[in-house]
Each structure stands twice: as C-alpha cells, then as structure tokens.
Amino acid sequence: MRSFLRFWSLKGYVSYEDVRDLQLSLVDQRARDLIPDTVLFLEHLPVVTRGRGLQFTGVPRDRHMPLPGVFPSGISFADSERGGDLTYHGPGQLVVYPICKLDGRGFGPLHDVAGFLRKIEQIFVDELGRFGLHAEAREQATGVWVGDRKIASMGIAVRRWVTYHGIALNCVNDLSPFHLISPCGFSPEVMTRLSDLAPLGAGWRTDLEHSLVRRMAGEGAEVVSKMLPTVV
C-alpha cells in the first residue's frame, strides 16, 4: 500500500529552533512508521542559517563563506545539519519542509537522495510556470532559478532514510538581509523574489500552499490537510 501525504500549515512566524525540534520529532515518528509522510508549510522569524557546507563543484573553494561580525537586531543565527552553506529565512518567504521516508512506497524514491532533490525542484519549476515564469534547476547549484536569478534555495538532511529541512521560495520577503552573507556561495545580487516577477495577491501564501498540495499529493493515495495555529 502506498503511503499518503499530510500537510501542516504553521501559521504566524515561527522560530528556526522550534521548527527544527518539531522536524526531529516527526523524523523519528516517520522512521518508525508511526505517521505518514508530512509536509510543513511555514514562514520563519528572521534568521541566517549555516548548513554542512557548499556542494563540491570541481573547483577548490572553502566549504563555508564568512559570517558577518555582528547581526542586525532582530536577525538570529543558527547552525543546521542541512546541506548547503549560508542562507536567510524571514517573513514573506514560503518554506516547505517535506518529512518523507525514502522507501519507494510514497512520495520519496527508494534510497535516492539526489532523485528526491530533483523531484522537489521540478515541483517548484512547474509551480512557477503557473505564473508564466520559465524556471529551471541547475547542476551543481541546487535550488530553482529564473534566468540568472535564484528564487528558491534548497538544502535537506536525511536521518534513517527520512528527509527533513527543505526548500525556501522567496515570495514577498525583504531581500536586503541576503546582503549580510554570500547565500549558498553566490553574490547576494542573484537573489530574487516572486513578487518582483509576477503579480501576487494578499492571499499569496494560501494560494501557493493549495497549488503545491495538489502537485505533491498526486504522488500519493490520499491527502490529509491539518492547520496548526502554533508549533507545539
């Protein structure tokens, strides 16, 4: 029997640490088959995060880009076990964390991390096409690009063949905090957001969530949608 997907939309702005704790709890439950694959939709409080390091491109370079000496008030910092290096999360950016077991029975392909990444990228490429944008994924530059601008950053971790962390789509968020860092090893100037490329209404987040649910749920037998007002 194929497992189904359930979707949780975490309302408000949630801290990186709280959601990481929630993810680890869900990963443990999913690894023991106590819950189905679960996808979290959320917006983070302002935070710069640092992953395990830049992906190898064949060109020698440092694994980590430098951090600013001081972060502005209101922006926190957190280390993360996800792939990639530095990035920024904040209000107006839709973050999607798929907690999926790579067992080949549901959304996740059997023990295929690269295949899972490509699958997530393609879902977002297709979603951006709904706005008339020609988006693409690039080799050795994980994420989603529109021309020479990066609109979505991605980095996951895998524990006991269960994925966590995920992809962040710039929608209506302030892009200036990216200038504090070298996001994923690139110039901050490469970052763009959906609202600069296509019109977005006040209900942009609900619209995107519902559309992404339809795209992702097609891979499973059934979908359960659950709204959480707070992280518990």
C-alpha atoms as a PDB file:
ATOM      1  CA  MET A   1       0.000   0.000   0.000  1.00  0.00           C
ATOM      2  CA  ARG A   2       1.308   3.454  -0.916  1.00  0.00           C
ATOM      3  CA  SER A   3       1.613   5.916   1.942  1.00  0.00           C
ATOM      4  CA  PHE A   4      -0.274   9.205   1.735  1.00  0.00           C
ATOM      5  CA  LEU A   5       0.890  12.735   2.323  1.00  0.00           C
ATOM      6  CA  ARG A   6      -0.421  15.052   5.002  1.00  0.00           C
ATOM      7  CA  PHE A   7       0.138  18.785   5.020  1.00  0.00           C
ATOM      8  CA  TRP A   8       0.538  21.068   8.023  1.00  0.00           C
ATOM      9  CA  SER A   9       0.447  24.842   7.613  1.00  0.00           C
ATOM     10  CA  LEU A  10       2.113  26.543  10.581  1.00  0.00           C
ATOM     11  CA  LYS A  11       0.587  29.975  10.958  1.00  0.00           C
ATOM     12  CA  GLY A  12       2.367  33.095  12.102  1.00  0.00           C
ATOM     13  CA  TYR A  13       6.149  33.433  12.074  1.00  0.00           C
ATOM     14  CA  VAL A  14       7.919  30.513  13.722  1.00  0.00           C
ATOM     15  CA  SER A  15      11.439  30.232  15.102  1.00  0.00           C
ATOM     16  CA  TYR A  16      14.020  28.089  13.359  1.00  0.00           C
ATOM     17  CA  GLU A  17      14.832  26.189  16.563  1.00  0.00           C
ATOM     18  CA  ASP A  18      11.195  25.357  17.339  1.00  0.00           C
ATOM     19  CA  VAL A  19      10.573  24.026  13.854  1.00  0.00           C
ATOM     20  CA  ARG A  20      13.816  22.056  13.902  1.00  0.00           C
ATOM     21  CA  ASP A  21      12.660  20.362  17.113  1.00  0.00           C
ATOM     22  CA  LEU A  22       9.299  19.627  15.500  1.00  0.00           C
ATOM     23  CA  GLN A  23      11.019  18.164  12.448  1.00  0.00           C
ATOM     24  CA  LEU A  24      13.239  15.886  14.535  1.00  0.00           C
ATOM     25  CA  SER A  25      10.187  14.584  16.369  1.00  0.00           C
ATOM     26  CA  LEU A  26       8.400  13.929  13.075  1.00  0.00           C
ATOM     27  CA  VAL A  27      11.500  12.269  11.592  1.00  0.00           C
ATOM     28  CA  ASP A  28      11.643   9.842  14.496  1.00  0.00           C
ATOM     29  CA  GLN A  29       7.946   9.046  14.174  1.00  0.00           C
ATOM     30  CA  ARG A  30       8.181   8.638  10.401  1.00  0.00           C
ATOM     31  CA  ALA A  31      11.221   6.351  10.658  1.00  0.00           C
ATOM     32  CA  ARG A  32       9.175   4.078  12.936  1.00  0.00           C
ATOM     33  CA  ASP A  33       6.178   4.240  10.566  1.00  0.00           C
ATOM     34  CA  LEU A  34       4.024   5.882  13.232  1.00  0.00           C
ATOM     35  CA  ILE A  35       2.983   8.718  10.909  1.00  0.00           C
ATOM     36  CA  PRO A  36       2.721   9.238   7.144  1.00  0.00           C
ATOM     37  CA  ASP A  37       4.972  11.490   5.094  1.00  0.00           C
ATOM     38  CA  THR A  38       4.318  15.026   6.368  1.00  0.00           C
ATOM     39  CA  VAL A  39       4.936  18.331   4.607  1.00  0.00           C
ATOM     40  CA  LEU A  40       5.275  21.535   6.646  1.00  0.00           C
ATOM     41  CA  PHE A  41       4.445  24.964   5.202  1.00  0.00           C
ATOM     42  CA  LEU A  42       5.688  27.939   7.223  1.00  0.00           C
ATOM     43  CA  GLU A  43       7.353  31.327   7.450  1.00  0.00           C
ATOM     44  CA  HIS A  44      10.350  31.742   9.740  1.00  0.00           C
ATOM     45  CA  LEU A  45      11.236  34.582  12.020  1.00  0.00           C
ATOM     46  CA  PRO A  46      14.299  36.364  10.573  1.00  0.00           C
ATOM     47  CA  VAL A  47      17.309  34.043  10.757  1.00  0.00           C
ATOM     48  CA  VAL A  48      20.567  33.319   8.968  1.00  0.00           C
ATOM     49  CA  THR A  49      21.343  29.606   8.930  1.00  0.00           C
ATOM     50  CA  ARG A  50      24.547  27.737   8.106  1.00  0.00           C
ATOM     51  CA  GLY A  51      24.445  24.211   6.719  1.00  0.00           C
ATOM     52  CA  ARG A  52      27.091  21.499   6.427  1.00  0.00           C
ATOM     53  CA  GLY A  53      28.950  23.323   3.663  1.00  0.00           C
ATOM     54  CA  LEU A  54      28.928  24.223  -0.013  1.00  0.00           C
ATOM     55  CA  GLN A  55      28.480  21.410  -2.500  1.00  0.00           C
ATOM     56  CA  PHE A  56      31.569  20.306  -4.416  1.00  0.00           C
ATOM     57  CA  THR A  57      31.688  21.746  -7.934  1.00  0.00           C
ATOM     58  CA  GLY A  58      35.120  20.556  -9.002  1.00  0.00           C
ATOM     59  CA  VAL A  59      36.622  23.986  -8.270  1.00  0.00           C
ATOM     60  CA  PRO A  60      38.586  24.294  -4.989  1.00  0.00           C
ATOM     61  CA  ARG A  61      36.920  26.682  -2.532  1.00  0.00           C
ATOM     62  CA  ASP A  62      36.184  26.993   1.159  1.00  0.00           C
ATOM     63  CA  ARG A  63      33.343  24.878   2.493  1.00  0.00           C
ATOM     64  CA  HIS A  64      31.898  27.863   4.355  1.00  0.00           C
ATOM     65  CA  MET A  65      31.513  31.520   3.446  1.00  0.00           C
ATOM     66  CA  PRO A  66      32.323  34.144   6.125  1.00  0.00           C
ATOM     67  CA  LEU A  67      29.720  35.326   8.593  1.00  0.00           C
ATOM     68  CA  PRO A  68      29.190  38.996   9.423  1.00  0.00           C
ATOM     69  CA  GLY A  69      30.859  40.149  12.619  1.00  0.00           C
ATOM     70  CA  VAL A  70      27.552  41.364  14.026  1.00  0.00           C
ATOM     71  CA  PHE A  71      23.997  40.546  13.003  1.00  0.00           C
ATOM     72  CA  PRO A  72      21.428  43.362  12.962  1.00  0.00           C
ATOM     73  CA  SER A  73      18.915  43.433  15.774  1.00  0.00           C
ATOM     74  CA  GLY A  74      16.039  41.078  15.063  1.00  0.00           C
ATOM     75  CA  ILE A  75      18.010  38.595  12.939  1.00  0.00           C
ATOM     76  CA  SER A  76      19.232  35.475  14.717  1.00  0.00           C
ATOM     77  CA  PHE A  77      21.750  32.827  13.652  1.00  0.00           C
ATOM     78  CA  ALA A  78      21.514  29.036  13.715  1.00  0.00           C
ATOM     79  CA  ASP A  79      23.695  26.160  12.604  1.00  0.00           C
ATOM     80  CA  SER A  80      21.868  23.442  10.708  1.00  0.00           C
ATOM     81  CA  GLU A  81      22.512  19.875   9.596  1.00  0.00           C
ATOM     82  CA  ARG A  82      21.049  20.533   6.141  1.00  0.00           C
ATOM     83  CA  GLY A  83      23.164  20.620   3.005  1.00  0.00           C
ATOM     84  CA  GLY A  84      24.496  23.911   1.683  1.00  0.00           C
ATOM     85  CA  ASP A  85      26.052  26.862   3.438  1.00  0.00           C
ATOM     86  CA  LEU A  86      24.599  30.225   4.419  1.00  0.00           C
ATOM     87  CA  THR A  87      21.090  31.395   3.651  1.00  0.00           C
ATOM     88  CA  TYR A  88      18.461  33.705   5.077  1.00  0.00           C
ATOM     89  CA  HIS A  89      14.862  32.956   6.088  1.00  0.00           C
ATOM     90  CA  GLY A  90      12.252  35.511   7.056  1.00  0.00           C
ATOM     91  CA  PRO A  91       8.636  36.621   6.822  1.00  0.00           C
ATOM     92  CA  GLY A  92       7.235  36.609   3.309  1.00  0.00           C
ATOM     93  CA  GLN A  93       9.289  33.587   2.274  1.00  0.00           C
ATOM     94  CA  LEU A  94       7.403  30.301   1.934  1.00  0.00           C
ATOM     95  CA  VAL A  95       9.419  27.485   3.493  1.00  0.00           C
ATOM     96  CA  VAL A  96       8.465  23.896   2.706  1.00  0.00           C
ATOM     97  CA  TYR A  97       9.862  21.046   4.800  1.00  0.00           C
ATOM     98  CA  PRO A  98       8.977  17.557   3.499  1.00  0.00           C
ATOM     99  CA  ILE A  99       9.394  14.865   6.161  1.00  0.00           C
ATOM    100  CA  CYS A 100       9.443  11.926   3.766  1.00  0.00           C
ATOM    101  CA  LYS A 101      10.655   8.360   4.047  1.00  0.00           C
ATOM    102  CA  LEU A 102      12.780   7.329   1.082  1.00  0.00           C
ATOM    103  CA  ASP A 103      11.254   3.873   0.901  1.00  0.00           C
ATOM    104  CA  GLY A 104       9.878   3.956  -2.650  1.00  0.00           C
ATOM    105  CA  ARG A 105       6.324   3.419  -1.408  1.00  0.00           C
ATOM    106  CA  GLY A 106       5.178   7.010  -1.183  1.00  0.00           C
ATOM    107  CA  PHE A 107       6.457  10.403  -2.217  1.00  0.00           C
ATOM    108  CA  GLY A 108      10.132   9.584  -1.656  1.00  0.00           C
ATOM    109  CA  PRO A 109      12.057   7.418  -4.162  1.00  0.00           C
ATOM    110  CA  LEU A 110      13.832   4.380  -2.711  1.00  0.00           C
ATOM    111  CA  HIS A 111      17.080   5.472  -1.020  1.00  0.00           C
ATOM    112  CA  ASP A 112      17.630   8.116  -3.711  1.00  0.00           C
ATOM    113  CA  VAL A 113      18.525  11.455  -2.130  1.00  0.00           C
ATOM    114  CA  ALA A 114      19.529  13.105  -5.421  1.00  0.00           C
ATOM    115  CA  GLY A 115      16.310  11.897  -7.032  1.00  0.00           C
ATOM    116  CA  PHE A 116      14.305  13.363  -4.155  1.00  0.00           C
ATOM    117  CA  LEU A 117      16.017  16.749  -4.557  1.00  0.00           C
ATOM    118  CA  ARG A 118      15.352  16.779  -8.302  1.00  0.00           C
ATOM    119  CA  LYS A 119      11.707  15.873  -7.655  1.00  0.00           C
ATOM    120  CA  ILE A 120      11.225  18.809  -5.265  1.00  0.00           C
ATOM    121  CA  GLU A 121      12.984  21.183  -7.639  1.00  0.00           C
ATOM    122  CA  GLN A 122      10.738  20.096 -10.518  1.00  0.00           C
ATOM    123  CA  ILE A 123       7.593  20.669  -8.477  1.00  0.00           C
ATOM    124  CA  PHE A 124       8.668  24.261  -7.893  1.00  0.00           C
ATOM    125  CA  VAL A 125       9.756  24.726 -11.508  1.00  0.00           C
ATOM    126  CA  ASP A 126       6.266  23.614 -12.561  1.00  0.00           C
ATOM    127  CA  GLU A 127       4.613  25.798  -9.941  1.00  0.00           C
ATOM    128  CA  LEU A 128       6.460  28.891 -11.126  1.00  0.00           C
ATOM    129  CA  GLY A 129       5.353  28.080 -14.651  1.00  0.00           C
ATOM    130  CA  ARG A 130       1.814  28.783 -13.407  1.00  0.00           C
ATOM    131  CA  PHE A 131       2.914  32.415 -13.095  1.00  0.00           C
ATOM    132  CA  GLY A 132       4.272  32.477 -16.639  1.00  0.00           C
ATOM    133  CA  LEU A 133       7.889  32.142 -15.494  1.00  0.00           C
ATOM    134  CA  HIS A 134      10.488  29.929 -17.144  1.00  0.00           C
ATOM    135  CA  ALA A 135      12.225  28.469 -14.109  1.00  0.00           C
ATOM    136  CA  GLU A 136      14.880  25.776 -14.046  1.00  0.00           C
ATOM    137  CA  ALA A 137      17.103  23.688 -11.817  1.00  0.00           C
ATOM    138  CA  ARG A 138      20.851  23.755 -12.387  1.00  0.00           C
ATOM    139  CA  GLU A 139      23.569  21.182 -11.900  1.00  0.00           C
ATOM    140  CA  GLN A 140      25.938  21.989  -9.036  1.00  0.00           C
ATOM    141  CA  ALA A 141      23.662  24.862  -7.971  1.00  0.00           C
ATOM    142  CA  THR A 142      20.816  23.238  -6.046  1.00  0.00           C
ATOM    143  CA  GLY A 143      17.637  25.293  -5.940  1.00  0.00           C
ATOM    144  CA  VAL A 144      15.425  26.976  -8.518  1.00  0.00           C
ATOM    145  CA  TRP A 145      16.477  29.743 -10.886  1.00  0.00           C
ATOM    146  CA  VAL A 146      14.674  32.183 -13.185  1.00  0.00           C
ATOM    147  CA  GLY A 147      17.235  33.280 -15.732  1.00  0.00           C
ATOM    148  CA  ASP A 148      20.353  34.291 -13.838  1.00  0.00           C
ATOM    149  CA  ARG A 149      18.445  34.967 -10.606  1.00  0.00           C
ATOM    150  CA  LYS A 150      17.863  32.487  -7.793  1.00  0.00           C
ATOM    151  CA  ILE A 151      14.303  32.399  -6.470  1.00  0.00           C
ATOM    152  CA  ALA A 152      14.363  29.300  -4.253  1.00  0.00           C
ATOM    153  CA  SER A 153      17.094  27.812  -2.074  1.00  0.00           C
ATOM    154  CA  MET A 154      17.164  24.175  -1.040  1.00  0.00           C
ATOM    155  CA  GLY A 155      19.043  22.059   1.465  1.00  0.00           C
ATOM    156  CA  ILE A 156      17.944  18.860   3.143  1.00  0.00           C
ATOM    157  CA  ALA A 157      19.173  16.421   5.729  1.00  0.00           C
ATOM    158  CA  VAL A 158      18.454  12.698   5.913  1.00  0.00           C
ATOM    159  CA  ARG A 159      18.234  10.597   9.063  1.00  0.00           C
ATOM    160  CA  ARG A 160      17.323   6.892   8.968  1.00  0.00           C
ATOM    161  CA  TRP A 161      16.284   7.432   5.329  1.00  0.00           C
ATOM    162  CA  VAL A 162      13.809  10.163   6.321  1.00  0.00           C
ATOM    163  CA  THR A 163      14.260  13.647   4.859  1.00  0.00           C
ATOM    164  CA  TYR A 164      13.882  16.919   6.696  1.00  0.00           C
ATOM    165  CA  HIS A 165      14.618  20.606   6.081  1.00  0.00           C
ATOM    166  CA  GLY A 166      13.731  21.507   2.501  1.00  0.00           C
ATOM    167  CA  ILE A 167      13.182  24.447   0.159  1.00  0.00           C
ATOM    168  CA  ALA A 168      12.524  28.167   0.648  1.00  0.00           C
ATOM    169  CA  LEU A 169      10.738  30.177  -2.047  1.00  0.00           C
ATOM    170  CA  ASN A 170      11.247  33.946  -1.969  1.00  0.00           C
ATOM    171  CA  CYS A 171       7.776  35.437  -2.371  1.00  0.00           C
ATOM    172  CA  VAL A 172       7.266  38.879  -0.810  1.00  0.00           C
ATOM    173  CA  ASN A 173      10.153  38.841   1.668  1.00  0.00           C
ATOM    174  CA  ASP A 174      12.714  41.592   2.150  1.00  0.00           C
ATOM    175  CA  LEU A 175      15.815  40.596   0.156  1.00  0.00           C
ATOM    176  CA  SER A 176      18.221  43.007   1.874  1.00  0.00           C
ATOM    177  CA  PRO A 177      19.285  40.510   4.633  1.00  0.00           C
ATOM    178  CA  PHE A 178      20.847  38.346   1.913  1.00  0.00           C
ATOM    179  CA  HIS A 179      23.448  41.111   1.605  1.00  0.00           C
ATOM    180  CA  LEU A 180      24.767  40.145   5.049  1.00  0.00           C
ATOM    181  CA  ILE A 181      26.069  36.875   3.605  1.00  0.00           C
ATOM    182  CA  SER A 182      27.125  35.062   0.455  1.00  0.00           C
ATOM    183  CA  PRO A 183      23.971  32.946   0.026  1.00  0.00           C
ATOM    184  CA  CYS A 184      24.993  29.395  -0.899  1.00  0.00           C
ATOM    185  CA  GLY A 185      28.304  30.799  -2.126  1.00  0.00           C
ATOM    186  CA  PHE A 186      26.732  33.248  -4.601  1.00  0.00           C
ATOM    187  CA  SER A 187      26.603  37.018  -4.703  1.00  0.00           C
ATOM    188  CA  PRO A 188      23.526  38.323  -2.862  1.00  0.00           C
ATOM    189  CA  GLU A 189      22.614  40.142  -6.066  1.00  0.00           C
ATOM    190  CA  VAL A 190      21.485  36.846  -7.634  1.00  0.00           C
ATOM    191  CA  MET A 191      18.552  36.544  -5.234  1.00  0.00           C
ATOM    192  CA  THR A 192      15.101  37.466  -6.485  1.00  0.00           C
ATOM    193  CA  ARG A 193      11.509  37.029  -5.305  1.00  0.00           C
ATOM    194  CA  LEU A 194       8.250  36.042  -6.904  1.00  0.00           C
ATOM    195  CA  SER A 195       6.546  39.402  -6.291  1.00  0.00           C
ATOM    196  CA  ASP A 196       9.193  41.128  -8.442  1.00  0.00           C
ATOM    197  CA  LEU A 197       8.486  38.774 -11.348  1.00  0.00           C
ATOM    198  CA  ALA A 198       4.711  38.229 -11.205  1.00  0.00           C
ATOM    199  CA  PRO A 199       1.692  39.825  -9.505  1.00  0.00           C
ATOM    200  CA  LEU A 200       0.817  38.313  -6.107  1.00  0.00           C
ATOM    201  CA  GLY A 201      -2.381  38.966  -4.187  1.00  0.00           C
ATOM    202  CA  ALA A 202      -2.841  39.319  -0.441  1.00  0.00           C
ATOM    203  CA  GLY A 203      -3.590  35.598  -0.211  1.00  0.00           C
ATOM    204  CA  TRP A 204      -0.339  34.574  -1.912  1.00  0.00           C
ATOM    205  CA  ARG A 205       0.609  32.033   0.746  1.00  0.00           C
ATOM    206  CA  THR A 206      -2.723  30.184   0.791  1.00  0.00           C
ATOM    207  CA  ASP A 207      -2.771  30.156  -2.994  1.00  0.00           C
ATOM    208  CA  LEU A 208       0.738  28.681  -3.209  1.00  0.00           C
ATOM    209  CA  GLU A 209       0.106  26.124  -0.481  1.00  0.00           C
ATOM    210  CA  HIS A 210      -3.068  24.820  -2.113  1.00  0.00           C
ATOM    211  CA  SER A 211      -1.395  24.609  -5.513  1.00  0.00           C
ATOM    212  CA  LEU A 212       1.663  22.810  -4.138  1.00  0.00           C
ATOM    213  CA  VAL A 213      -0.554  20.382  -2.234  1.00  0.00           C
ATOM    214  CA  ARG A 214      -2.240  19.448  -5.497  1.00  0.00           C
ATOM    215  CA  ARG A 215       1.100  18.930  -7.228  1.00  0.00           C
ATOM    216  CA  MET A 216       2.629  16.867  -4.435  1.00  0.00           C
ATOM    217  CA  ALA A 217      -0.459  14.885  -3.473  1.00  0.00           C
ATOM    218  CA  GLY A 218      -0.709  13.430  -6.932  1.00  0.00           C
ATOM    219  CA  GLU A 219       2.127  11.121  -5.947  1.00  0.00           C
ATOM    220  CA  GLY A 220       0.211   9.606  -3.008  1.00  0.00           C
ATOM    221  CA  ALA A 221      -3.035   7.735  -2.499  1.00  0.00           C
ATOM    222  CA  GLU A 222      -4.747  10.307  -0.284  1.00  0.00           C
ATOM    223  CA  VAL A 223      -4.127  13.604   1.474  1.00  0.00           C
ATOM    224  CA  VAL A 224      -4.942  14.815   4.976  1.00  0.00           C
ATOM    225  CA  SER A 225      -4.635  18.578   5.474  1.00  0.00           C
ATOM    226  CA  LYS A 226      -4.117  19.894   9.005  1.00  0.00           C
ATOM    227  CA  MET A 227      -3.724  23.504  10.074  1.00  0.00           C
ATOM    228  CA  LEU A 228      -1.659  24.254  13.168  1.00  0.00           C
ATOM    229  CA  PRO A 229      -2.040  27.698  14.764  1.00  0.00           C
ATOM    230  CA  THR A 230       1.215  27.301  16.732  1.00  0.00           C
ATOM    231  CA  VAL A 231       4.189  24.979  16.930  1.00  0.00           C
ATOM    232  CA  VAL A 232       3.761  22.541  19.793  1.00  0.00           C
END
